[in-house]
C-alpha atoms as a PDB file:
ATOM      1  CA  UNK A   1      -0.147   0.031   0.178  1.00  0.00           C
ATOM      2  CA  UNK A   2       1.572   3.280  -1.099  1.00  0.00           C
ATOM      3  CA  UNK A   3       0.851   5.682   1.796  1.00  0.00           C
ATOM      4  CA  UNK A   4      -1.275   9.184   0.854  1.00  0.00           C
ATOM      5  CA  UNK A   5       0.414  11.553   3.559  1.00  0.00           C
ATOM      6  CA  UNK A   6      -2.639  13.637   3.297  1.00  0.00           C
ATOM      7  CA  UNK A   7      -4.536  10.979   5.000  1.00  0.00           C
ATOM      8  CA  UNK A   8      -2.939  12.293   8.284  1.00  0.00           C
ATOM      9  CA  UNK A   9      -4.191  15.527   8.009  1.00  0.00           C
ATOM     10  CA  UNK A  10      -7.277  14.344   7.034  1.00  0.00           C
ATOM     11  CA  UNK A  11      -7.627  12.384  10.370  1.00  0.00           C
ATOM     12  CA  UNK A  12      -7.027  15.444  12.265  1.00  0.00           C
ATOM     13  CA  UNK A  13     -10.236  17.131  10.966  1.00  0.00           C
ATOM     14  CA  UNK A  14     -12.731  14.232  10.572  1.00  0.00           C
ATOM     15  CA  UNK A  15     -11.152  11.544  13.020  1.00  0.00           C
ATOM     16  CA  UNK A  16     -14.071  11.723  15.438  1.00  0.00           C
ATOM     17  CA  UNK A  17     -15.986  10.501  12.757  1.00  0.00           C
ATOM     18  CA  UNK A  18     -14.609   7.353  12.009  1.00  0.00           C
ATOM     19  CA  UNK A  19     -14.865   4.067  14.400  1.00  0.00           C
ATOM     20  CA  UNK A  20     -12.301   4.043  16.821  1.00  0.00           C
ATOM     21  CA  UNK A  21     -10.419   1.108  15.670  1.00  0.00           C
ATOM     22  CA  UNK A  22     -10.275   3.001  12.130  1.00  0.00           C
ATOM     23  CA  UNK A  23      -8.476   6.160  14.010  1.00  0.00           C
ATOM     24  CA  UNK A  24      -6.299   3.620  15.798  1.00  0.00           C
ATOM     25  CA  UNK A  25      -5.080   1.405  12.447  1.00  0.00           C
ATOM     26  CA  UNK A  26      -4.584   4.879  10.455  1.00  0.00           C
ATOM     27  CA  UNK A  27      -2.887   6.827  13.134  1.00  0.00           C
ATOM     28  CA  UNK A  28      -0.530   3.746  13.951  1.00  0.00           C
ATOM     29  CA  UNK A  29      -0.032   3.493   9.973  1.00  0.00           C
ATOM     30  CA  UNK A  30       0.379   6.810   9.050  1.00  0.00           C
ATOM     31  CA  UNK A  31       1.969   8.538  11.752  1.00  0.00           C
ATOM     32  CA  UNK A  32       3.546   6.120  13.597  1.00  0.00           C
ATOM     33  CA  UNK A  33       4.786   4.480  10.486  1.00  0.00           C
ATOM     34  CA  UNK A  34       4.089   1.038  11.655  1.00  0.00           C
ATOM     35  CA  UNK A  35       3.651  -1.755   9.271  1.00  0.00           C
ATOM     36  CA  UNK A  36      -0.227  -3.825   8.982  1.00  0.00           C
ATOM     37  CA  UNK A  37       1.584  -6.817  10.966  1.00  0.00           C
ATOM     38  CA  UNK A  38       2.663  -4.349  13.577  1.00  0.00           C
ATOM     39  CA  UNK A  39      -0.525  -2.852  13.786  1.00  0.00           C
ATOM     40  CA  UNK A  40      -2.652  -6.220  13.853  1.00  0.00           C
ATOM     41  CA  UNK A  41      -1.364  -7.407  16.964  1.00  0.00           C
ATOM     42  CA  UNK A  42      -2.394  -4.528  19.178  1.00  0.00           C
ATOM     43  CA  UNK A  43      -5.701  -4.604  17.312  1.00  0.00           C
ATOM     44  CA  UNK A  44      -6.214  -8.176  17.913  1.00  0.00           C
ATOM     45  CA  UNK A  45      -7.184  -8.095  14.277  1.00  0.00           C
ATOM     46  CA  UNK A  46      -5.614  -9.938  11.086  1.00  0.00           C
ATOM     47  CA  UNK A  47      -3.326  -7.871   8.704  1.00  0.00           C
ATOM     48  CA  UNK A  48      -5.791  -8.200   6.180  1.00  0.00           C
ATOM     49  CA  UNK A  49      -8.472  -6.631   8.961  1.00  0.00           C
ATOM     50  CA  UNK A  50      -5.994  -4.020   9.200  1.00  0.00           C
ATOM     51  CA  UNK A  51      -5.665  -3.080   5.847  1.00  0.00           C
ATOM     52  CA  UNK A  52      -9.475  -3.280   5.038  1.00  0.00           C
ATOM     53  CA  UNK A  53      -9.811  -0.831   8.213  1.00  0.00           C
ATOM     54  CA  UNK A  54      -7.560   1.484   6.765  1.00  0.00           C
ATOM     55  CA  UNK A  55      -8.828   1.353   3.368  1.00  0.00           C
ATOM     56  CA  UNK A  56     -12.409   1.861   4.378  1.00  0.00           C
ATOM     57  CA  UNK A  57     -11.518   4.796   6.985  1.00  0.00           C
ATOM     58  CA  UNK A  58      -9.231   6.519   4.131  1.00  0.00           C
ATOM     59  CA  UNK A  59     -12.386   6.305   1.616  1.00  0.00           C
ATOM     60  CA  UNK A  60     -14.395   7.797   4.500  1.00  0.00           C
ATOM     61  CA  UNK A  61     -11.971  10.501   5.335  1.00  0.00           C
ATOM     62  CA  UNK A  62     -11.820  11.438   1.517  1.00  0.00           C
ATOM     63  CA  UNK A  63     -15.728  11.440   1.079  1.00  0.00           C
ATOM     64  CA  UNK A  64     -15.805  13.872   4.385  1.00  0.00           C
ATOM     65  CA  UNK A  65     -13.257  16.449   2.986  1.00  0.00           C
ATOM     66  CA  UNK A  66     -15.253  16.189  -0.493  1.00  0.00           C
ATOM     67  CA  UNK A  67     -18.555  17.234   1.162  1.00  0.00           C
ATOM     68  CA  UNK A  68     -17.252  19.539   3.755  1.00  0.00           C
ATOM     69  CA  UNK A  69     -13.832  20.944   2.351  1.00  0.00           C
ATOM     70  CA  UNK A  70     -12.368  21.856   5.916  1.00  0.00           C
ATOM     71  CA  UNK A  71      -8.958  20.714   5.401  1.00  0.00           C
ATOM     72  CA  UNK A  72      -8.538  22.864   2.148  1.00  0.00           C
ATOM     73  CA  UNK A  73     -10.126  25.809   3.736  1.00  0.00           C
ATOM     74  CA  UNK A  74      -7.854  25.367   6.777  1.00  0.00           C
ATOM     75  CA  UNK A  75      -4.740  25.439   4.335  1.00  0.00           C
ATOM     76  CA  UNK A  76      -6.390  28.126   2.565  1.00  0.00           C
ATOM     77  CA  UNK A  77      -6.821  30.162   5.399  1.00  0.00           C
ATOM     78  CA  UNK A  78      -3.536  29.722   6.803  1.00  0.00           C
ATOM     79  CA  UNK A  79      -2.156  30.590   3.309  1.00  0.00           C
ATOM     80  CA  UNK A  80      -3.916  33.748   3.176  1.00  0.00           C
ATOM     81  CA  UNK A  81      -2.405  34.693   6.863  1.00  0.00           C
ATOM     82  CA  UNK A  82       0.954  34.408   5.728  1.00  0.00           C
ATOM     83  CA  UNK A  83       0.376  36.729   3.265  1.00  0.00           C
ATOM     84  CA  UNK A  84      -1.464  39.162   5.273  1.00  0.00           C
ATOM     85  CA  UNK A  85       1.530  39.048   8.018  1.00  0.00           C
ATOM     86  CA  UNK A  86       4.511  39.538   5.061  1.00  0.00           C
ATOM     87  CA  UNK A  87       2.060  42.578   4.697  1.00  0.00           C
ATOM     88  CA  UNK A  88       1.702  43.973   7.863  1.00  0.00           C
ATOM     89  CA  UNK A  89       5.511  43.547   8.419  1.00  0.00           C
ATOM     90  CA  UNK A  90       5.869  45.366   5.298  1.00  0.00           C
ATOM     91  CA  UNK A  91       3.795  48.216   6.577  1.00  0.00           C
ATOM     92  CA  UNK A  92       5.046  48.325  10.029  1.00  0.00           C
ATOM     93  CA  UNK A  93       8.917  48.806   8.847  1.00  0.00           C
ATOM     94  CA  UNK A  94       7.610  51.460   6.277  1.00  0.00           C
ATOM     95  CA  UNK A  95       5.724  53.221   8.883  1.00  0.00           C
ATOM     96  CA  UNK A  96       8.829  53.275  11.125  1.00  0.00           C
ATOM     97  CA  UNK A  97      11.201  54.207   8.208  1.00  0.00           C
ATOM     98  CA  UNK A  98       9.201  56.913   6.205  1.00  0.00           C
ATOM     99  CA  UNK A  99       6.146  58.143   8.480  1.00  0.00           C
ATOM    100  CA  UNK A 100       7.658  58.381  11.785  1.00  0.00           C
ATOM    101  CA  UNK A 101       4.120  58.764  13.611  1.00  0.00           C
ATOM    102  CA  UNK A 102       3.572  57.418  16.875  1.00  0.00           C
ATOM    103  CA  UNK A 103      -0.043  57.168  16.230  1.00  0.00           C
ATOM    104  CA  UNK A 104      -0.236  55.406  13.554  1.00  0.00           C
ATOM    105  CA  UNK A 105       2.603  52.832  14.470  1.00  0.00           C
ATOM    106  CA  UNK A 106       0.693  51.854  17.634  1.00  0.00           C
ATOM    107  CA  UNK A 107      -2.653  51.241  15.494  1.00  0.00           C
ATOM    108  CA  UNK A 108      -0.622  49.052  12.982  1.00  0.00           C
ATOM    109  CA  UNK A 109       0.810  47.193  16.308  1.00  0.00           C
ATOM    110  CA  UNK A 110      -2.517  46.501  17.286  1.00  0.00           C
ATOM    111  CA  UNK A 111      -3.701  44.873  14.144  1.00  0.00           C
ATOM    112  CA  UNK A 112       0.028  42.945  14.446  1.00  0.00           C
ATOM    113  CA  UNK A 113      -1.902  41.672  17.620  1.00  0.00           C
ATOM    114  CA  UNK A 114      -4.999  40.592  16.923  1.00  0.00           C
ATOM    115  CA  UNK A 115      -3.198  38.835  13.731  1.00  0.00           C
ATOM    116  CA  UNK A 116      -0.940  36.923  16.202  1.00  0.00           C
ATOM    117  CA  UNK A 117      -3.630  35.907  18.245  1.00  0.00           C
ATOM    118  CA  UNK A 118      -5.439  34.469  14.962  1.00  0.00           C
ATOM    119  CA  UNK A 119      -2.521  32.680  14.319  1.00  0.00           C
ATOM    120  CA  UNK A 120      -2.124  31.361  17.591  1.00  0.00           C
ATOM    121  CA  UNK A 121      -5.523  29.734  17.235  1.00  0.00           C
ATOM    122  CA  UNK A 122      -4.830  27.868  14.005  1.00  0.00           C
END
């Protein structure tokens, strides 16, 4: 089985919607990099059972993402925030270099604090 590493991300978003056994098998396979045989023993199922559980879980995760798109939206928002942070730093530098306005710099710094608050929540 070739590993689709996006599954680990989808598991973070939609893992609560899978069975406990599917979450455990997928987590051990993708995040712990265990083989199917190594996963089978602690789960008390066969190697084929682990493979089937992982495959069903992967399909469900993809179906959830296709329907809801939470992981894609999260990635898009995160990318937008990176661009906003770069623009913020450019603006901050410009004000410090050319404008010399304490009032404007204070307002921009408050925006920066709000931006940091948002990124800390992601």
